[in-house]
Amino acid sequence: MAKKEPFDAGRLVIILMAMNDQQLQIHFGPKLKDGLGLEGPPVTKELLEPHFLPFAKQGKLSEGLVSLLRGTEKWIAEREAVKNEKPK
């Protein structure tokens, strides 16, 4: 079994969905927001539009949330890999 990493509040992702109001909010910890630019237009363009909205328009909110979580995880991993490659 893989070693479990300690909880890091700076890397948290909170997704809030008001199903009756058809509203979704995503909040990111400061390491993701400040370190990777995970806020504003990139979230809408690169995460919500391709991963959540197509499912939501079909009424498939559960599938949309799963897709959004997977897309967010991939987005973070890709940017961290690029950031780690840059010379310091």
N, C-alpha and C. Protein backbone atom coordinates (compact mmCIF):
# COMPACT_ATOMS: atom_id res chain seq x y z
N MET A 1 0.84 -1.17 0.00
CA MET A 1 0.00 0.00 0.00
C MET A 1 0.89 1.25 0.00
N ALA A 2 0.52 2.24 -0.79
CA ALA A 2 1.29 3.48 -0.90
C ALA A 2 1.21 4.27 0.41
N LYS A 3 2.30 4.96 0.71
CA LYS A 3 2.34 5.79 1.91
C LYS A 3 1.40 6.97 1.74
N LYS A 4 0.58 7.21 2.73
CA LYS A 4 -0.38 8.31 2.68
C LYS A 4 0.31 9.62 3.05
N GLU A 5 0.14 10.61 2.19
CA GLU A 5 0.72 11.93 2.44
C GLU A 5 -0.09 12.67 3.49
N PRO A 6 0.56 13.51 4.29
CA PRO A 6 -0.20 14.30 5.27
C PRO A 6 -1.10 15.32 4.58
N PHE A 7 -2.17 15.69 5.24
CA PHE A 7 -3.11 16.67 4.70
C PHE A 7 -2.41 18.01 4.53
N ASP A 8 -2.58 18.63 3.38
CA ASP A 8 -1.98 19.92 3.08
C ASP A 8 -3.10 20.89 2.69
N ALA A 9 -3.51 21.74 3.61
CA ALA A 9 -4.61 22.67 3.36
C ALA A 9 -4.31 23.63 2.21
N GLY A 10 -3.06 23.87 1.93
CA GLY A 10 -2.69 24.76 0.83
C GLY A 10 -3.01 24.18 -0.54
N ARG A 11 -3.23 22.86 -0.58
CA ARG A 11 -3.51 22.19 -1.85
C ARG A 11 -4.95 21.68 -1.93
N LEU A 12 -5.82 22.20 -1.09
CA LEU A 12 -7.19 21.69 -1.09
C LEU A 12 -7.99 22.18 -2.27
N VAL A 13 -8.98 21.38 -2.64
CA VAL A 13 -9.95 21.72 -3.67
C VAL A 13 -11.33 21.46 -3.06
N ILE A 14 -12.15 22.50 -3.01
CA ILE A 14 -13.51 22.37 -2.49
C ILE A 14 -14.48 22.70 -3.62
N ILE A 15 -15.38 21.79 -3.88
CA ILE A 15 -16.41 22.00 -4.90
C ILE A 15 -17.75 22.05 -4.20
N LEU A 16 -18.46 23.15 -4.38
CA LEU A 16 -19.79 23.33 -3.81
C LEU A 16 -20.80 23.39 -4.94
N MET A 17 -21.86 22.60 -4.82
CA MET A 17 -22.87 22.62 -5.86
C MET A 17 -24.25 22.77 -5.22
N ALA A 18 -24.96 23.81 -5.65
CA ALA A 18 -26.34 24.02 -5.24
C ALA A 18 -27.21 23.47 -6.36
N MET A 19 -27.66 22.27 -6.20
CA MET A 19 -28.37 21.58 -7.29
C MET A 19 -29.66 22.28 -7.69
N ASN A 20 -30.42 22.76 -6.73
CA ASN A 20 -31.68 23.42 -7.06
C ASN A 20 -31.48 24.75 -7.76
N ASP A 21 -30.39 25.43 -7.44
CA ASP A 21 -30.10 26.73 -8.04
C ASP A 21 -29.21 26.63 -9.28
N GLN A 22 -28.76 25.43 -9.58
CA GLN A 22 -27.85 25.19 -10.70
C GLN A 22 -26.63 26.08 -10.65
N GLN A 23 -25.98 26.10 -9.49
CA GLN A 23 -24.77 26.88 -9.30
C GLN A 23 -23.65 25.98 -8.80
N LEU A 24 -22.44 26.29 -9.23
CA LEU A 24 -21.27 25.52 -8.83
C LEU A 24 -20.16 26.50 -8.49
N GLN A 25 -19.47 26.24 -7.39
CA GLN A 25 -18.31 27.05 -7.01
C GLN A 25 -17.16 26.11 -6.73
N ILE A 26 -15.97 26.54 -7.12
CA ILE A 26 -14.76 25.78 -6.82
C ILE A 26 -13.81 26.71 -6.07
N HIS A 27 -13.30 26.23 -4.97
CA HIS A 27 -12.34 26.99 -4.16
C HIS A 27 -11.05 26.19 -4.05
N PHE A 28 -9.94 26.88 -4.19
CA PHE A 28 -8.63 26.23 -4.16
C PHE A 28 -7.79 26.79 -3.04
N GLY A 29 -6.94 25.93 -2.47
CA GLY A 29 -6.01 26.36 -1.45
C GLY A 29 -4.97 27.30 -2.05
N PRO A 30 -4.28 28.07 -1.19
CA PRO A 30 -3.34 29.08 -1.69
C PRO A 30 -2.18 28.52 -2.51
N LYS A 31 -1.73 27.33 -2.25
CA LYS A 31 -0.62 26.78 -3.05
C LYS A 31 -1.06 26.54 -4.49
N LEU A 32 -2.30 26.15 -4.67
CA LEU A 32 -2.82 25.93 -6.03
C LEU A 32 -3.19 27.24 -6.70
N LYS A 33 -3.83 28.11 -5.94
CA LYS A 33 -4.28 29.39 -6.49
C LYS A 33 -3.10 30.29 -6.84
N ASP A 34 -2.22 30.48 -5.90
CA ASP A 34 -1.09 31.39 -6.12
C ASP A 34 0.04 30.72 -6.90
N GLY A 35 0.32 29.47 -6.58
CA GLY A 35 1.45 28.78 -7.19
C GLY A 35 1.21 28.33 -8.61
N LEU A 36 -0.04 27.98 -8.94
CA LEU A 36 -0.33 27.46 -10.28
C LEU A 36 -1.32 28.30 -11.06
N GLY A 37 -1.81 29.38 -10.45
CA GLY A 37 -2.76 30.24 -11.14
C GLY A 37 -4.13 29.62 -11.30
N LEU A 38 -4.50 28.80 -10.35
CA LEU A 38 -5.77 28.09 -10.44
C LEU A 38 -6.90 28.94 -9.87
N GLU A 39 -7.36 29.90 -10.69
CA GLU A 39 -8.50 30.75 -10.34
C GLU A 39 -8.95 31.49 -11.58
N GLY A 40 -10.14 32.04 -11.53
CA GLY A 40 -10.67 32.87 -12.60
C GLY A 40 -10.81 32.18 -13.94
N PRO A 41 -10.42 32.86 -15.03
CA PRO A 41 -10.63 32.33 -16.38
C PRO A 41 -10.05 30.94 -16.64
N PRO A 42 -8.86 30.59 -16.13
CA PRO A 42 -8.38 29.22 -16.39
C PRO A 42 -9.31 28.15 -15.84
N VAL A 43 -9.93 28.40 -14.72
CA VAL A 43 -10.84 27.42 -14.12
C VAL A 43 -12.05 27.24 -15.03
N THR A 44 -12.62 28.33 -15.50
CA THR A 44 -13.78 28.24 -16.38
C THR A 44 -13.42 27.60 -17.71
N LYS A 45 -12.38 28.11 -18.35
CA LYS A 45 -12.01 27.67 -19.70
C LYS A 45 -11.45 26.26 -19.73
N GLU A 46 -10.58 25.93 -18.78
CA GLU A 46 -9.87 24.66 -18.85
C GLU A 46 -10.46 23.55 -17.98
N LEU A 47 -11.35 23.91 -17.06
CA LEU A 47 -11.92 22.88 -16.19
C LEU A 47 -13.44 22.77 -16.32
N LEU A 48 -14.14 23.86 -16.06
CA LEU A 48 -15.61 23.79 -16.07
C LEU A 48 -16.17 23.52 -17.46
N GLU A 49 -15.74 24.27 -18.46
CA GLU A 49 -16.30 24.13 -19.80
C GLU A 49 -16.11 22.73 -20.39
N PRO A 50 -14.89 22.17 -20.35
CA PRO A 50 -14.75 20.85 -20.98
C PRO A 50 -15.17 19.68 -20.10
N HIS A 51 -15.08 19.83 -18.79
CA HIS A 51 -15.28 18.67 -17.91
C HIS A 51 -16.63 18.61 -17.23
N PHE A 52 -17.23 19.74 -16.91
CA PHE A 52 -18.49 19.71 -16.17
C PHE A 52 -19.70 20.10 -17.01
N LEU A 53 -19.59 21.20 -17.74
CA LEU A 53 -20.76 21.74 -18.44
C LEU A 53 -21.41 20.78 -19.44
N PRO A 54 -20.66 20.01 -20.22
CA PRO A 54 -21.34 19.10 -21.16
C PRO A 54 -22.26 18.10 -20.43
N PHE A 55 -21.82 17.61 -19.29
CA PHE A 55 -22.65 16.69 -18.52
C PHE A 55 -23.82 17.41 -17.87
N ALA A 56 -23.55 18.59 -17.31
CA ALA A 56 -24.61 19.35 -16.64
C ALA A 56 -25.74 19.70 -17.59
N LYS A 57 -25.41 20.03 -18.82
CA LYS A 57 -26.44 20.36 -19.82
C LYS A 57 -27.34 19.18 -20.13
N GLN A 58 -26.84 17.97 -19.89
CA GLN A 58 -27.62 16.76 -20.10
C GLN A 58 -28.29 16.28 -18.82
N GLY A 59 -28.10 17.03 -17.74
CA GLY A 59 -28.67 16.65 -16.45
C GLY A 59 -27.90 15.56 -15.74
N LYS A 60 -26.68 15.28 -16.19
CA LYS A 60 -25.83 14.23 -15.60
C LYS A 60 -24.82 14.88 -14.64
N LEU A 61 -25.32 15.37 -13.53
CA LEU A 61 -24.47 16.11 -12.60
C LEU A 61 -23.42 15.23 -11.94
N SER A 62 -23.76 14.01 -11.58
CA SER A 62 -22.78 13.12 -10.95
C SER A 62 -21.62 12.85 -11.88
N GLU A 63 -21.93 12.54 -13.14
CA GLU A 63 -20.88 12.29 -14.11
C GLU A 63 -20.04 13.55 -14.34
N GLY A 64 -20.69 14.71 -14.33
CA GLY A 64 -19.98 15.96 -14.49
C GLY A 64 -19.02 16.23 -13.34
N LEU A 65 -19.44 15.93 -12.13
CA LEU A 65 -18.56 16.12 -10.98
C LEU A 65 -17.36 15.19 -11.03
N VAL A 66 -17.58 13.95 -11.42
CA VAL A 66 -16.47 12.99 -11.55
C VAL A 66 -15.49 13.48 -12.60
N SER A 67 -16.02 13.90 -13.74
CA SER A 67 -15.16 14.41 -14.81
C SER A 67 -14.40 15.66 -14.36
N LEU A 68 -15.07 16.54 -13.63
CA LEU A 68 -14.43 17.75 -13.13
C LEU A 68 -13.31 17.42 -12.16
N LEU A 69 -13.54 16.47 -11.27
CA LEU A 69 -12.49 16.06 -10.32
C LEU A 69 -11.29 15.47 -11.04
N ARG A 70 -11.54 14.60 -11.98
CA ARG A 70 -10.43 13.99 -12.74
C ARG A 70 -9.69 15.04 -13.57
N GLY A 71 -10.44 15.92 -14.20
CA GLY A 71 -9.81 16.98 -14.99
C GLY A 71 -8.98 17.92 -14.13
N THR A 72 -9.47 18.23 -12.95
CA THR A 72 -8.74 19.12 -12.03
C THR A 72 -7.45 18.44 -11.57
N GLU A 73 -7.55 17.17 -11.22
CA GLU A 73 -6.36 16.43 -10.78
C GLU A 73 -5.30 16.40 -11.89
N LYS A 74 -5.73 16.15 -13.12
CA LYS A 74 -4.81 16.11 -14.26
C LYS A 74 -4.21 17.49 -14.51
N TRP A 75 -5.04 18.54 -14.45
CA TRP A 75 -4.59 19.92 -14.68
C TRP A 75 -3.49 20.27 -13.68
N ILE A 76 -3.72 19.96 -12.42
CA ILE A 76 -2.74 20.27 -11.37
C ILE A 76 -1.45 19.49 -11.61
N ALA A 77 -1.55 18.20 -11.88
CA ALA A 77 -0.37 17.37 -12.09
C ALA A 77 0.46 17.86 -13.27
N GLU A 78 -0.20 18.25 -14.36
CA GLU A 78 0.53 18.75 -15.53
C GLU A 78 1.28 20.04 -15.22
N ARG A 79 0.63 20.96 -14.53
CA ARG A 79 1.28 22.24 -14.21
C ARG A 79 2.39 22.08 -13.19
N GLU A 80 2.21 21.19 -12.24
CA GLU A 80 3.28 20.95 -11.27
C GLU A 80 4.49 20.31 -11.94
N ALA A 81 4.25 19.42 -12.90
CA ALA A 81 5.36 18.80 -13.63
C ALA A 81 6.15 19.85 -14.40
N VAL A 82 5.45 20.76 -15.07
CA VAL A 82 6.12 21.82 -15.82
C VAL A 82 6.89 22.73 -14.87
N LYS A 83 6.25 23.09 -13.76
CA LYS A 83 6.89 23.97 -12.78
C LYS A 83 8.15 23.33 -12.21
N ASN A 84 8.12 22.03 -11.98
CA ASN A 84 9.27 21.31 -11.42
C ASN A 84 10.39 21.14 -12.42
N GLU A 85 10.08 21.22 -13.71
CA GLU A 85 11.11 21.10 -14.76
C GLU A 85 11.91 22.37 -14.95
N LYS A 86 11.31 23.52 -14.63
CA LYS A 86 11.97 24.80 -14.86
C LYS A 86 13.18 24.94 -13.94
N PRO A 87 14.31 25.45 -14.51
CA PRO A 87 15.49 25.68 -13.66
C PRO A 87 15.20 26.79 -12.65
N LYS A 88 15.76 26.63 -11.48
CA LYS A 88 15.53 27.63 -10.42
C LYS A 88 16.62 28.64 -10.35
